[in-house]
Amino acid sequence: MEYRPGAAAWQLVAGDETALPAISAILEALPARTRVRALLEVPTEAGVQHLDLRCEADTTWLPRAGGGPSLLEALRDASFDASDGYAWVAWESGVVRDLRRHLLRERGWDGDRGCFGGYWKAG
């Protein structure tokens, strides 16, 4: 999956532990003053990692164990302006579909300003 944010004012990066290596590489390569909202779902608290970032990242770790919010719930609750962002989302195919629908239908996100990929399929 390609990461092409262009001149976006800010970036949304989201994924589960299967996408974490790619997300880490993306976030660690971003220059200072790049505004990023990162939503990262991991199996447990032990999956939370320290990321050495120069960018201005608002990072939310979402451990599945313990009954915390899902990524979709966290995304629905997040406050951001969809008009000037770029999204990179990698997850289970059904989750990616639901996240993309939420962004496009409920947030008015421009579908051309993002990359949405199913890294794996449930079942």
PDB file of N, CA and C in Angstrom:
ATOM      1  N   MET A   1       0.854  -1.183   0.000  1.00  0.00           N
ATOM      2  CA  MET A   1       0.000   0.000   0.000  1.00  0.00           C
ATOM      3  C   MET A   1       0.893   1.238   0.000  1.00  0.00           C
ATOM      4  N   GLU A   2       0.562   2.153  -0.854  1.00  0.00           N
ATOM      5  CA  GLU A   2       1.356   3.367  -0.961  1.00  0.00           C
ATOM      6  C   GLU A   2       0.866   4.443  -0.006  1.00  0.00           C
ATOM      7  N   TYR A   3       1.784   5.254   0.432  1.00  0.00           N
ATOM      8  CA  TYR A   3       1.478   6.369   1.326  1.00  0.00           C
ATOM      9  C   TYR A   3       1.787   7.658   0.590  1.00  0.00           C
ATOM     10  N   ARG A   4       0.738   8.361   0.147  1.00  0.00           N
ATOM     11  CA  ARG A   4       0.896   9.575  -0.655  1.00  0.00           C
ATOM     12  C   ARG A   4       0.020  10.699  -0.112  1.00  0.00           C
ATOM     13  N   PRO A   5       0.442  11.326   0.979  1.00  0.00           N
ATOM     14  CA  PRO A   5      -0.393  12.358   1.577  1.00  0.00           C
ATOM     15  C   PRO A   5      -0.411  13.678   0.827  1.00  0.00           C
ATOM     16  N   GLY A   6       0.515  13.871  -0.094  1.00  0.00           N
ATOM     17  CA  GLY A   6       0.550  15.131  -0.834  1.00  0.00           C
ATOM     18  C   GLY A   6       0.656  16.322   0.110  1.00  0.00           C
ATOM     19  N   ALA A   7      -0.168  17.324  -0.124  1.00  0.00           N
ATOM     20  CA  ALA A   7      -0.132  18.546   0.678  1.00  0.00           C
ATOM     21  C   ALA A   7      -1.220  18.568   1.748  1.00  0.00           C
ATOM     22  N   ALA A   8      -1.644  17.409   2.203  1.00  0.00           N
ATOM     23  CA  ALA A   8      -2.695  17.347   3.226  1.00  0.00           C
ATOM     24  C   ALA A   8      -2.266  18.117   4.475  1.00  0.00           C
ATOM     25  N   ALA A   9      -3.215  18.795   5.092  1.00  0.00           N
ATOM     26  CA  ALA A   9      -2.930  19.579   6.296  1.00  0.00           C
ATOM     27  C   ALA A   9      -2.638  18.683   7.493  1.00  0.00           C
ATOM     28  N   TRP A  10      -3.196  17.483   7.488  1.00  0.00           N
ATOM     29  CA  TRP A  10      -2.983  16.524   8.578  1.00  0.00           C
ATOM     30  C   TRP A  10      -3.233  15.126   8.038  1.00  0.00           C
ATOM     31  N   GLN A  11      -2.860  14.116   8.835  1.00  0.00           N
ATOM     32  CA  GLN A  11      -2.979  12.745   8.375  1.00  0.00           C
ATOM     33  C   GLN A  11      -3.598  11.855   9.438  1.00  0.00           C
ATOM     34  N   LEU A  12      -4.417  10.924   8.977  1.00  0.00           N
ATOM     35  CA  LEU A  12      -5.017   9.901   9.825  1.00  0.00           C
ATOM     36  C   LEU A  12      -4.368   8.578   9.447  1.00  0.00           C
ATOM     37  N   VAL A  13      -3.792   7.906  10.439  1.00  0.00           N
ATOM     38  CA  VAL A  13      -3.159   6.607  10.218  1.00  0.00           C
ATOM     39  C   VAL A  13      -3.792   5.633  11.197  1.00  0.00           C
ATOM     40  N   ALA A  14      -4.297   4.506  10.677  1.00  0.00           N
ATOM     41  CA  ALA A  14      -4.980   3.553  11.552  1.00  0.00           C
ATOM     42  C   ALA A  14      -4.718   2.129  11.097  1.00  0.00           C
ATOM     43  N   GLY A  15      -4.615   1.232  12.093  1.00  0.00           N
ATOM     44  CA  GLY A  15      -4.420  -0.166  11.764  1.00  0.00           C
ATOM     45  C   GLY A  15      -4.292  -1.020  13.005  1.00  0.00           C
ATOM     46  N   ASP A  16      -4.194  -2.318  12.778  1.00  0.00           N
ATOM     47  CA  ASP A  16      -4.016  -3.265  13.879  1.00  0.00           C
ATOM     48  C   ASP A  16      -2.562  -3.715  13.914  1.00  0.00           C
ATOM     49  N   GLU A  17      -2.286  -4.737  14.718  1.00  0.00           N
ATOM     50  CA  GLU A  17      -0.901  -5.164  14.886  1.00  0.00           C
ATOM     51  C   GLU A  17      -0.272  -5.678  13.602  1.00  0.00           C
ATOM     52  N   THR A  18      -1.075  -6.146  12.633  1.00  0.00           N
ATOM     53  CA  THR A  18      -0.504  -6.610  11.371  1.00  0.00           C
ATOM     54  C   THR A  18       0.020  -5.440  10.541  1.00  0.00           C
ATOM     55  N   ALA A  19      -0.528  -4.262  10.745  1.00  0.00           N
ATOM     56  CA  ALA A  19      -0.102  -3.068  10.017  1.00  0.00           C
ATOM     57  C   ALA A  19       0.922  -2.247  10.792  1.00  0.00           C
ATOM     58  N   LEU A  20       1.187  -2.632  12.029  1.00  0.00           N
ATOM     59  CA  LEU A  20       2.064  -1.835  12.881  1.00  0.00           C
ATOM     60  C   LEU A  20       3.464  -1.611  12.303  1.00  0.00           C
ATOM     61  N   PRO A  21       4.113  -2.595  11.675  1.00  0.00           N
ATOM     62  CA  PRO A  21       5.427  -2.305  11.079  1.00  0.00           C
ATOM     63  C   PRO A  21       5.355  -1.197  10.017  1.00  0.00           C
ATOM     64  N   ALA A  22       4.344  -1.247   9.155  1.00  0.00           N
ATOM     65  CA  ALA A  22       4.197  -0.214   8.128  1.00  0.00           C
ATOM     66  C   ALA A  22       3.857   1.133   8.759  1.00  0.00           C
ATOM     67  N   ILE A  23       2.952   1.127   9.726  1.00  0.00           N
ATOM     68  CA  ILE A  23       2.559   2.374  10.387  1.00  0.00           C
ATOM     69  C   ILE A  23       3.749   2.990  11.124  1.00  0.00           C
ATOM     70  N   SER A  24       4.518   2.171  11.813  1.00  0.00           N
ATOM     71  CA  SER A  24       5.708   2.672  12.511  1.00  0.00           C
ATOM     72  C   SER A  24       6.662   3.335  11.533  1.00  0.00           C
ATOM     73  N   ALA A  25       6.900   2.686  10.402  1.00  0.00           N
ATOM     74  CA  ALA A  25       7.804   3.246   9.393  1.00  0.00           C
ATOM     75  C   ALA A  25       7.273   4.566   8.845  1.00  0.00           C
ATOM     76  N   ILE A  26       5.964   4.631   8.594  1.00  0.00           N
ATOM     77  CA  ILE A  26       5.355   5.872   8.099  1.00  0.00           C
ATOM     78  C   ILE A  26       5.535   6.984   9.120  1.00  0.00           C
ATOM     79  N   LEU A  27       5.136   6.719  10.358  1.00  0.00           N
ATOM     80  CA  LEU A  27       5.181   7.753  11.389  1.00  0.00           C
ATOM     81  C   LEU A  27       6.605   8.208  11.676  1.00  0.00           C
ATOM     82  N   GLU A  28       7.549   7.282  11.726  1.00  0.00           N
ATOM     83  CA  GLU A  28       8.930   7.636  12.037  1.00  0.00           C
ATOM     84  C   GLU A  28       9.596   8.414  10.908  1.00  0.00           C
ATOM     85  N   ALA A  29       9.077   8.310   9.679  1.00  0.00           N
ATOM     86  CA  ALA A  29       9.658   9.028   8.547  1.00  0.00           C
ATOM     87  C   ALA A  29       9.069  10.433   8.365  1.00  0.00           C
ATOM     88  N   LEU A  30       7.957  10.720   9.024  1.00  0.00           N
ATOM     89  CA  LEU A  30       7.318  12.022   8.832  1.00  0.00           C
ATOM     90  C   LEU A  30       8.133  13.141   9.480  1.00  0.00           C
ATOM     91  N   PRO A  31       8.226  14.263   8.799  1.00  0.00           N
ATOM     92  CA  PRO A  31       8.998  15.376   9.352  1.00  0.00           C
ATOM     93  C   PRO A  31       8.287  16.060  10.520  1.00  0.00           C
ATOM     94  N   ALA A  32       9.060  16.826  11.262  1.00  0.00           N
ATOM     95  CA  ALA A  32       8.517  17.617  12.369  1.00  0.00           C
ATOM     96  C   ALA A  32       7.398  18.510  11.841  1.00  0.00           C
ATOM     97  N   ARG A  33       6.483  18.820  12.692  1.00  0.00           N
ATOM     98  CA  ARG A  33       5.328  19.692  12.429  1.00  0.00           C
ATOM     99  C   ARG A  33       4.254  19.035  11.557  1.00  0.00           C
ATOM    100  N   THR A  34       4.442  17.775  11.157  1.00  0.00           N
ATOM    101  CA  THR A  34       3.383  17.060  10.453  1.00  0.00           C
ATOM    102  C   THR A  34       2.373  16.619  11.506  1.00  0.00           C
ATOM    103  N   ARG A  35       1.118  17.014  11.334  1.00  0.00           N
ATOM    104  CA  ARG A  35       0.072  16.651  12.293  1.00  0.00           C
ATOM    105  C   ARG A  35      -0.538  15.308  11.896  1.00  0.00           C
ATOM    106  N   VAL A  36      -0.563  14.387  12.877  1.00  0.00           N
ATOM    107  CA  VAL A  36      -1.053  13.032  12.619  1.00  0.00           C
ATOM    108  C   VAL A  36      -1.967  12.597  13.748  1.00  0.00           C
ATOM    109  N   ARG A  37      -3.052  11.936  13.377  1.00  0.00           N
ATOM    110  CA  ARG A  37      -3.930  11.259  14.338  1.00  0.00           C
ATOM    111  C   ARG A  37      -3.750   9.780  14.066  1.00  0.00           C
ATOM    112  N   ALA A  38      -3.180   9.034  15.014  1.00  0.00           N
ATOM    113  CA  ALA A  38      -2.915   7.609  14.834  1.00  0.00           C
ATOM    114  C   ALA A  38      -3.779   6.793  15.782  1.00  0.00           C
ATOM    115  N   LEU A  39      -4.484   5.815  15.245  1.00  0.00           N
ATOM    116  CA  LEU A  39      -5.306   4.885  16.016  1.00  0.00           C
ATOM    117  C   LEU A  39      -4.755   3.492  15.765  1.00  0.00           C
ATOM    118  N   LEU A  40      -4.262   2.860  16.834  1.00  0.00           N
ATOM    119  CA  LEU A  40      -3.564   1.592  16.689  1.00  0.00           C
ATOM    120  C   LEU A  40      -4.178   0.543  17.608  1.00  0.00           C
ATOM    121  N   GLU A  41      -4.726  -0.518  17.014  1.00  0.00           N
ATOM    122  CA  GLU A  41      -5.336  -1.580  17.809  1.00  0.00           C
ATOM    123  C   GLU A  41      -4.343  -2.724  17.972  1.00  0.00           C
ATOM    124  N   VAL A  42      -4.166  -3.156  19.209  1.00  0.00           N
ATOM    125  CA  VAL A  42      -3.260  -4.256  19.540  1.00  0.00           C
ATOM    126  C   VAL A  42      -4.009  -5.245  20.429  1.00  0.00           C
ATOM    127  N   PRO A  43      -3.532  -6.503  20.517  1.00  0.00           N
ATOM    128  CA  PRO A  43      -4.252  -7.515  21.300  1.00  0.00           C
ATOM    129  C   PRO A  43      -4.381  -7.168  22.784  1.00  0.00           C
ATOM    130  N   THR A  44      -3.275  -6.721  23.397  1.00  0.00           N
ATOM    131  CA  THR A  44      -3.258  -6.436  24.838  1.00  0.00           C
ATOM    132  C   THR A  44      -2.410  -5.190  25.102  1.00  0.00           C
ATOM    133  N   GLU A  45      -2.389  -4.753  26.341  1.00  0.00           N
ATOM    134  CA  GLU A  45      -1.531  -3.625  26.742  1.00  0.00           C
ATOM    135  C   GLU A  45      -0.067  -3.890  26.410  1.00  0.00           C
ATOM    136  N   ALA A  46       0.339  -5.146  26.445  1.00  0.00           N
ATOM    137  CA  ALA A  46       1.731  -5.500  26.147  1.00  0.00           C
ATOM    138  C   ALA A  46       2.116  -5.161  24.711  1.00  0.00           C
ATOM    139  N   GLY A  47       1.141  -4.974  23.843  1.00  0.00           N
ATOM    140  CA  GLY A  47       1.404  -4.628  22.451  1.00  0.00           C
ATOM    141  C   GLY A  47       1.685  -3.160  22.214  1.00  0.00           C
ATOM    142  N   VAL A  48       1.444  -2.333  23.220  1.00  0.00           N
ATOM    143  CA  VAL A  48       1.711  -0.894  23.097  1.00  0.00           C
ATOM    144  C   VAL A  48       3.217  -0.699  22.999  1.00  0.00           C
ATOM    145  N   GLN A  49       3.646   0.095  22.021  1.00  0.00           N
ATOM    146  CA  GLN A  49       5.064   0.298  21.771  1.00  0.00           C
ATOM    147  C   GLN A  49       5.433   1.774  21.865  1.00  0.00           C
ATOM    148  N   HIS A  50       6.689   2.017  22.151  1.00  0.00           N
ATOM    149  CA  HIS A  50       7.206   3.385  22.086  1.00  0.00           C
ATOM    150  C   HIS A  50       7.618   3.647  20.648  1.00  0.00           C
ATOM    151  N   LEU A  51       7.134   4.730  20.079  1.00  0.00           N
ATOM    152  CA  LEU A  51       7.512   5.102  18.721  1.00  0.00           C
ATOM    153  C   LEU A  51       8.354   6.370  18.794  1.00  0.00           C
ATOM    154  N   ASP A  52       9.502   6.356  18.159  1.00  0.00           N
ATOM    155  CA  ASP A  52      10.409   7.502  18.153  1.00  0.00           C
ATOM    156  C   ASP A  52      10.003   8.425  17.012  1.00  0.00           C
ATOM    157  N   LEU A  53       9.211   9.448  17.334  1.00  0.00           N
ATOM    158  CA  LEU A  53       8.601  10.285  16.310  1.00  0.00           C
ATOM    159  C   LEU A  53       9.087  11.728  16.377  1.00  0.00           C
ATOM    160  N   ARG A  54       9.230  12.334  15.203  1.00  0.00           N
ATOM    161  CA  ARG A  54       9.486  13.768  15.098  1.00  0.00           C
ATOM    162  C   ARG A  54       8.196  14.523  14.813  1.00  0.00           C
ATOM    163  N   CYS A  55       7.230  13.833  14.216  1.00  0.00           N
ATOM    164  CA  CYS A  55       5.973  14.475  13.848  1.00  0.00           C
ATOM    165  C   CYS A  55       5.131  14.748  15.099  1.00  0.00           C
ATOM    166  N   GLU A  56       4.098  15.537  14.919  1.00  0.00           N
ATOM    167  CA  GLU A  56       3.176  15.859  16.004  1.00  0.00           C
ATOM    168  C   GLU A  56       2.037  14.844  15.966  1.00  0.00           C
ATOM    169  N   ALA A  57       2.245  13.709  16.620  1.00  0.00           N
ATOM    170  CA  ALA A  57       1.284  12.611  16.561  1.00  0.00           C
ATOM    171  C   ALA A  57       0.440  12.536  17.816  1.00  0.00           C
ATOM    172  N   ASP A  58      -0.859  12.509  17.615  1.00  0.00           N
ATOM    173  CA  ASP A  58      -1.812  12.220  18.682  1.00  0.00           C
ATOM    174  C   ASP A  58      -2.125  10.734  18.519  1.00  0.00           C
ATOM    175  N   THR A  59      -1.476   9.915  19.334  1.00  0.00           N
ATOM    176  CA  THR A  59      -1.550   8.460  19.176  1.00  0.00           C
ATOM    177  C   THR A  59      -2.447   7.844  20.235  1.00  0.00           C
ATOM    178  N   THR A  60      -3.393   7.026  19.786  1.00  0.00           N
ATOM    179  CA  THR A  60      -4.267   6.295  20.689  1.00  0.00           C
ATOM    180  C   THR A  60      -4.051   4.803  20.471  1.00  0.00           C
ATOM    181  N   TRP A  61      -3.644   4.114  21.543  1.00  0.00           N
ATOM    182  CA  TRP A  61      -3.478   2.661  21.507  1.00  0.00           C
ATOM    183  C   TRP A  61      -4.777   2.038  22.006  1.00  0.00           C
ATOM    184  N   LEU A  62      -5.260   1.059  21.293  1.00  0.00           N
ATOM    185  CA  LEU A  62      -6.536   0.421  21.587  1.00  0.00           C
ATOM    186  C   LEU A  62      -6.346  -1.076  21.820  1.00  0.00           C
ATOM    187  N   PRO A  63      -6.020  -1.488  23.058  1.00  0.00           N
ATOM    188  CA  PRO A  63      -5.893  -2.921  23.352  1.00  0.00           C
ATOM    189  C   PRO A  63      -7.266  -3.600  23.297  1.00  0.00           C
ATOM    190  N   ARG A  64      -7.379  -4.691  22.541  1.00  0.00           N
ATOM    191  CA  ARG A  64      -8.659  -5.409  22.442  1.00  0.00           C
ATOM    192  C   ARG A  64      -9.036  -6.046  23.772  1.00  0.00           C
ATOM    193  N   ALA A  65      -8.062  -6.601  24.478  1.00  0.00           N
ATOM    194  CA  ALA A  65      -8.339  -7.209  25.787  1.00  0.00           C
ATOM    195  C   ALA A  65      -8.658  -6.092  26.781  1.00  0.00           C
ATOM    196  N   GLY A  66      -9.624  -6.321  27.603  1.00  0.00           N
ATOM    197  CA  GLY A  66      -9.953  -5.314  28.609  1.00  0.00           C
ATOM    198  C   GLY A  66     -11.201  -4.513  28.295  1.00  0.00           C
ATOM    199  N   GLY A  67     -11.795  -4.746  27.149  1.00  0.00           N
ATOM    200  CA  GLY A  67     -13.077  -4.129  26.855  1.00  0.00           C
ATOM    201  C   GLY A  67     -13.040  -2.665  26.466  1.00  0.00           C
ATOM    202  N   GLY A  68     -11.901  -2.171  25.994  1.00  0.00           N
ATOM    203  CA  GLY A  68     -11.824  -0.782  25.543  1.00  0.00           C
ATOM    204  C   GLY A  68     -12.561  -0.591  24.229  1.00  0.00           C
ATOM    205  N   PRO A  69     -12.564   0.636  23.714  1.00  0.00           N
ATOM    206  CA  PRO A  69     -13.262   0.897  22.456  1.00  0.00           C
ATOM    207  C   PRO A  69     -12.573   0.228  21.276  1.00  0.00           C
ATOM    208  N   SER A  70     -13.352  -0.123  20.278  1.00  0.00           N
ATOM    209  CA  SER A  70     -12.789  -0.648  19.037  1.00  0.00           C
ATOM    210  C   SER A  70     -12.267   0.535  18.230  1.00  0.00           C
ATOM    211  N   LEU A  71     -11.564   0.230  17.169  1.00  0.00           N
ATOM    212  CA  LEU A  71     -11.067   1.304  16.309  1.00  0.00           C
ATOM    213  C   LEU A  71     -12.217   2.109  15.730  1.00  0.00           C
ATOM    214  N   LEU A  72     -13.255   1.435  15.269  1.00  0.00           N
ATOM    215  CA  LEU A  72     -14.383   2.150  14.684  1.00  0.00           C
ATOM    216  C   LEU A  72     -15.026   3.066  15.720  1.00  0.00           C
ATOM    217  N   GLU A  73     -15.185   2.588  16.951  1.00  0.00           N
ATOM    218  CA  GLU A  73     -15.738   3.436  18.015  1.00  0.00           C
ATOM    219  C   GLU A  73     -14.827   4.622  18.290  1.00  0.00           C
ATOM    220  N   ALA A  74     -13.534   4.378  18.339  1.00  0.00           N
ATOM    221  CA  ALA A  74     -12.581   5.466  18.580  1.00  0.00           C
ATOM    222  C   ALA A  74     -12.609   6.475  17.443  1.00  0.00           C
ATOM    223  N   LEU A  75     -12.728   5.996  16.213  1.00  0.00           N
ATOM    224  CA  LEU A  75     -12.787   6.890  15.069  1.00  0.00           C
ATOM    225  C   LEU A  75     -14.068   7.720  15.095  1.00  0.00           C
ATOM    226  N   ARG A  76     -15.178   7.092  15.423  1.00  0.00           N
ATOM    227  CA  ARG A  76     -16.448   7.818  15.507  1.00  0.00           C
ATOM    228  C   ARG A  76     -16.403   8.905  16.581  1.00  0.00           C
ATOM    229  N   ASP A  77     -15.686   8.641  17.678  1.00  0.00           N
ATOM    230  CA  ASP A  77     -15.588   9.600  18.779  1.00  0.00           C
ATOM    231  C   ASP A  77     -14.537  10.679  18.546  1.00  0.00           C
ATOM    232  N   ALA A  78     -13.643  10.475  17.598  1.00  0.00           N
ATOM    233  CA  ALA A  78     -12.540  11.418  17.364  1.00  0.00           C
ATOM    234  C   ALA A  78     -13.053  12.704  16.730  1.00  0.00           C
ATOM    235  N   SER A  79     -12.446  13.780  17.121  1.00  0.00           N
ATOM    236  CA  SER A  79     -12.792  15.092  16.577  1.00  0.00           C
ATOM    237  C   SER A  79     -11.714  15.511  15.580  1.00  0.00           C
ATOM    238  N   PHE A  80     -12.118  15.718  14.330  1.00  0.00           N
ATOM    239  CA  PHE A  80     -11.180  16.199  13.315  1.00  0.00           C
ATOM    240  C   PHE A  80     -11.949  16.755  12.126  1.00  0.00           C
ATOM    241  N   ASP A  81     -11.257  17.566  11.340  1.00  0.00           N
ATOM    242  CA  ASP A  81     -11.818  18.167  10.139  1.00  0.00           C
ATOM    243  C   ASP A  81     -11.492  17.263   8.956  1.00  0.00           C
ATOM    244  N   ALA A  82     -12.491  16.629   8.400  1.00  0.00           N
ATOM    245  CA  ALA A  82     -12.279  15.683   7.307  1.00  0.00           C
ATOM    246  C   ALA A  82     -11.960  16.360   5.979  1.00  0.00           C
ATOM    247  N   SER A  83     -12.119  17.657   5.899  1.00  0.00           N
ATOM    248  CA  SER A  83     -11.978  18.329   4.612  1.00  0.00           C
ATOM    249  C   SER A  83     -10.536  18.462   4.133  1.00  0.00           C
ATOM    250  N   ASP A  84      -9.567  18.377   5.019  1.00  0.00           N
ATOM    251  CA  ASP A  84      -8.198  18.642   4.584  1.00  0.00           C
ATOM    252  C   ASP A  84      -7.199  17.584   5.041  1.00  0.00           C
ATOM    253  N   GLY A  85      -7.666  16.347   5.259  1.00  0.00           N
ATOM    254  CA  GLY A  85      -6.792  15.290   5.740  1.00  0.00           C
ATOM    255  C   GLY A  85      -6.514  14.226   4.703  1.00  0.00           C
ATOM    256  N   TYR A  86      -5.582  13.372   5.032  1.00  0.00           N
ATOM    257  CA  TYR A  86      -5.231  12.201   4.237  1.00  0.00           C
ATOM    258  C   TYR A  86      -5.305  10.993   5.161  1.00  0.00           C
ATOM    259  N   ALA A  87      -5.896   9.896   4.712  1.00  0.00           N
ATOM    260  CA  ALA A  87      -6.036   8.701   5.546  1.00  0.00           C
ATOM    261  C   ALA A  87      -5.254   7.528   4.964  1.00  0.00           C
ATOM    262  N   TRP A  88      -4.599   6.802   5.865  1.00  0.00           N
ATOM    263  CA  TRP A  88      -3.955   5.531   5.509  1.00  0.00           C
ATOM    264  C   TRP A  88      -4.441   4.511   6.524  1.00  0.00           C
ATOM    265  N   VAL A  89      -5.227   3.542   6.060  1.00  0.00           N
ATOM    266  CA  VAL A  89      -5.865   2.570   6.950  1.00  0.00           C
ATOM    267  C   VAL A  89      -5.581   1.163   6.443  1.00  0.00           C
ATOM    268  N   ALA A  90      -5.053   0.311   7.333  1.00  0.00           N
ATOM    269  CA  ALA A  90      -4.782  -1.085   6.993  1.00  0.00           C
ATOM    270  C   ALA A  90      -5.235  -1.954   8.156  1.00  0.00           C
ATOM    271  N   TRP A  91      -6.055  -2.965   7.848  1.00  0.00           N
ATOM    272  CA  TRP A  91      -6.675  -3.769   8.898  1.00  0.00           C
ATOM    273  C   TRP A  91      -7.257  -5.021   8.279  1.00  0.00           C
ATOM    274  N   GLU A  92      -8.120  -5.682   9.037  1.00  0.00           N
ATOM    275  CA  GLU A  92      -8.909  -6.781   8.497  1.00  0.00           C
ATOM    276  C   GLU A  92      -9.869  -6.182   7.462  1.00  0.00           C
ATOM    277  N   SER A  93     -10.102  -6.886   6.364  1.00  0.00           N
ATOM    278  CA  SER A  93     -10.868  -6.347   5.233  1.00  0.00           C
ATOM    279  C   SER A  93     -12.228  -5.781   5.614  1.00  0.00           C
ATOM    280  N   GLY A  94     -12.985  -6.484   6.441  1.00  0.00           N
ATOM    281  CA  GLY A  94     -14.307  -6.004   6.842  1.00  0.00           C
ATOM    282  C   GLY A  94     -14.234  -4.742   7.676  1.00  0.00           C
ATOM    283  N   VAL A  95     -13.226  -4.655   8.549  1.00  0.00           N
ATOM    284  CA  VAL A  95     -13.050  -3.454   9.371  1.00  0.00           C
ATOM    285  C   VAL A  95     -12.688  -2.267   8.483  1.00  0.00           C
ATOM    286  N   VAL A  96     -11.785  -2.487   7.529  1.00  0.00           N
ATOM    287  CA  VAL A  96     -11.392  -1.412   6.612  1.00  0.00           C
ATOM    288  C   VAL A  96     -12.611  -0.914   5.849  1.00  0.00           C
ATOM    289  N   ARG A  97     -13.456  -1.829   5.398  1.00  0.00           N
ATOM    290  CA  ARG A  97     -14.679  -1.440   4.680  1.00  0.00           C
ATOM    291  C   ARG A  97     -15.549  -0.539   5.561  1.00  0.00           C
ATOM    292  N   ASP A  98     -15.744  -0.939   6.825  1.00  0.00           N
ATOM    293  CA  ASP A  98     -16.570  -0.161   7.740  1.00  0.00           C
ATOM    294  C   ASP A  98     -15.952   1.201   8.049  1.00  0.00           C
ATOM    295  N   LEU A  99     -14.645   1.244   8.234  1.00  0.00           N
ATOM    296  CA  LEU A  99     -13.964   2.510   8.514  1.00  0.00           C
ATOM    297  C   LEU A  99     -14.058   3.449   7.323  1.00  0.00           C
ATOM    298  N   ARG A 100     -13.859   2.904   6.140  1.00  0.00           N
ATOM    299  CA  ARG A 100     -13.936   3.732   4.923  1.00  0.00           C
ATOM    300  C   ARG A 100     -15.356   4.273   4.738  1.00  0.00           C
ATOM    301  N   ARG A 101     -16.334   3.429   4.941  1.00  0.00           N
ATOM    302  CA  ARG A 101     -17.731   3.888   4.842  1.00  0.00           C
ATOM    303  C   ARG A 101     -18.021   5.004   5.835  1.00  0.00           C
ATOM    304  N   HIS A 102     -17.538   4.827   7.066  1.00  0.00           N
ATOM    305  CA  HIS A 102     -17.739   5.871   8.073  1.00  0.00           C
ATOM    306  C   HIS A 102     -17.121   7.189   7.611  1.00  0.00           C
ATOM    307  N   LEU A 103     -15.877   7.127   7.153  1.00  0.00           N
ATOM    308  CA  LEU A 103     -15.205   8.356   6.731  1.00  0.00           C
ATOM    309  C   LEU A 103     -15.917   9.012   5.541  1.00  0.00           C
ATOM    310  N   LEU A 104     -16.293   8.217   4.556  1.00  0.00           N
ATOM    311  CA  LEU A 104     -16.917   8.769   3.353  1.00  0.00           C
ATOM    312  C   LEU A 104     -18.347   9.240   3.595  1.00  0.00           C
ATOM    313  N   ARG A 105     -19.153   8.413   4.234  1.00  0.00           N
ATOM    314  CA  ARG A 105     -20.576   8.719   4.383  1.00  0.00           C
ATOM    315  C   ARG A 105     -20.896   9.631   5.553  1.00  0.00           C
ATOM    316  N   GLU A 106     -20.257   9.390   6.689  1.00  0.00           N
ATOM    317  CA  GLU A 106     -20.600  10.152   7.884  1.00  0.00           C
ATOM    318  C   GLU A 106     -19.713  11.374   8.094  1.00  0.00           C
ATOM    319  N   ARG A 107     -18.516  11.345   7.554  1.00  0.00           N
ATOM    320  CA  ARG A 107     -17.579  12.460   7.750  1.00  0.00           C
ATOM    321  C   ARG A 107     -17.403  13.303   6.503  1.00  0.00           C
ATOM    322  N   GLY A 108     -17.868  12.811   5.363  1.00  0.00           N
ATOM    323  CA  GLY A 108     -17.710  13.564   4.122  1.00  0.00           C
ATOM    324  C   GLY A 108     -16.286  13.552   3.580  1.00  0.00           C
ATOM    325  N   TRP A 109     -15.539  12.507   3.916  1.00  0.00           N
ATOM    326  CA  TRP A 109     -14.158  12.372   3.465  1.00  0.00           C
ATOM    327  C   TRP A 109     -14.124  12.183   1.957  1.00  0.00           C
ATOM    328  N   ASP A 110     -13.175  12.796   1.293  1.00  0.00           N
ATOM    329  CA  ASP A 110     -12.964  12.617  -0.141  1.00  0.00           C
ATOM    330  C   ASP A 110     -12.222  11.292  -0.340  1.00  0.00           C
ATOM    331  N   GLY A 111     -12.826  10.341  -1.016  1.00  0.00           N
ATOM    332  CA  GLY A 111     -12.248   9.014  -1.202  1.00  0.00           C
ATOM    333  C   GLY A 111     -10.910   9.005  -1.910  1.00  0.00           C
ATOM    334  N   ASP A 112     -10.580  10.079  -2.629  1.00  0.00           N
ATOM    335  CA  ASP A 112      -9.293  10.165  -3.313  1.00  0.00           C
ATOM    336  C   ASP A 112      -8.165  10.577  -2.378  1.00  0.00           C
ATOM    337  N   ARG A 113      -8.496  10.971  -1.159  1.00  0.00           N
ATOM    338  CA  ARG A 113      -7.484  11.423  -0.203  1.00  0.00           C
ATOM    339  C   ARG A 113      -7.191  10.335   0.827  1.00  0.00           C
ATOM    340  N   GLY A 114      -6.823   9.187   0.319  1.00  0.00           N
ATOM    341  CA  GLY A 114      -6.500   8.123   1.253  1.00  0.00           C
ATOM    342  C   GLY A 114      -6.180   6.813   0.577  1.00  0.00           C
ATOM    343  N   CYS A 115      -5.666   5.918   1.395  1.00  0.00           N
ATOM    344  CA  CYS A 115      -5.335   4.569   0.963  1.00  0.00           C
ATOM    345  C   CYS A 115      -5.932   3.623   2.001  1.00  0.00           C
ATOM    346  N   PHE A 116      -6.800   2.737   1.562  1.00  0.00           N
ATOM    347  CA  PHE A 116      -7.511   1.828   2.462  1.00  0.00           C
ATOM    348  C   PHE A 116      -7.258   0.402   1.986  1.00  0.00           C
ATOM    349  N   GLY A 117      -6.632  -0.411   2.834  1.00  0.00           N
ATOM    350  CA  GLY A 117      -6.302  -1.766   2.407  1.00  0.00           C
ATOM    351  C   GLY A 117      -6.577  -2.809   3.457  1.00  0.00           C
ATOM    352  N   GLY A 118      -7.199  -3.896   3.021  1.00  0.00           N
ATOM    353  CA  GLY A 118      -7.423  -5.034   3.906  1.00  0.00           C
ATOM    354  C   GLY A 118      -6.176  -5.904   3.927  1.00  0.00           C
ATOM    355  N   TYR A 119      -5.498  -5.955   5.059  1.00  0.00           N
ATOM    356  CA  TYR A 119      -4.290  -6.756   5.200  1.00  0.00           C
ATOM    357  C   TYR A 119      -4.608  -8.235   5.336  1.00  0.00           C
ATOM    358  N   TRP A 120      -5.812  -8.561   5.824  1.00  0.00           N
ATOM    359  CA  TRP A 120      -6.184  -9.950   6.029  1.00  0.00           C
ATOM    360  C   TRP A 120      -7.700 -10.051   6.068  1.00  0.00           C
ATOM    361  N   LYS A 121      -8.215 -11.283   6.023  1.00  0.00           N
ATOM    362  CA  LYS A 121      -9.660 -11.527   6.046  1.00  0.00           C
ATOM    363  C   LYS A 121     -10.022 -12.439   7.208  1.00  0.00           C
ATOM    364  N   ALA A 122     -11.030 -12.055   7.947  1.00  0.00           N
ATOM    365  CA  ALA A 122     -11.499 -12.884   9.054  1.00  0.00           C
ATOM    366  C   ALA A 122     -12.075 -14.197   8.518  1.00  0.00           C
ATOM    367  N   GLY A 123     -11.824 -15.293   9.250  1.00  0.00           N
ATOM    368  CA  GLY A 123     -12.373 -16.591   8.868  1.00  0.00           C
ATOM    369  C   GLY A 123     -11.463 -17.282   7.929  1.00  0.00           C
TER     370      GLY A 123
END
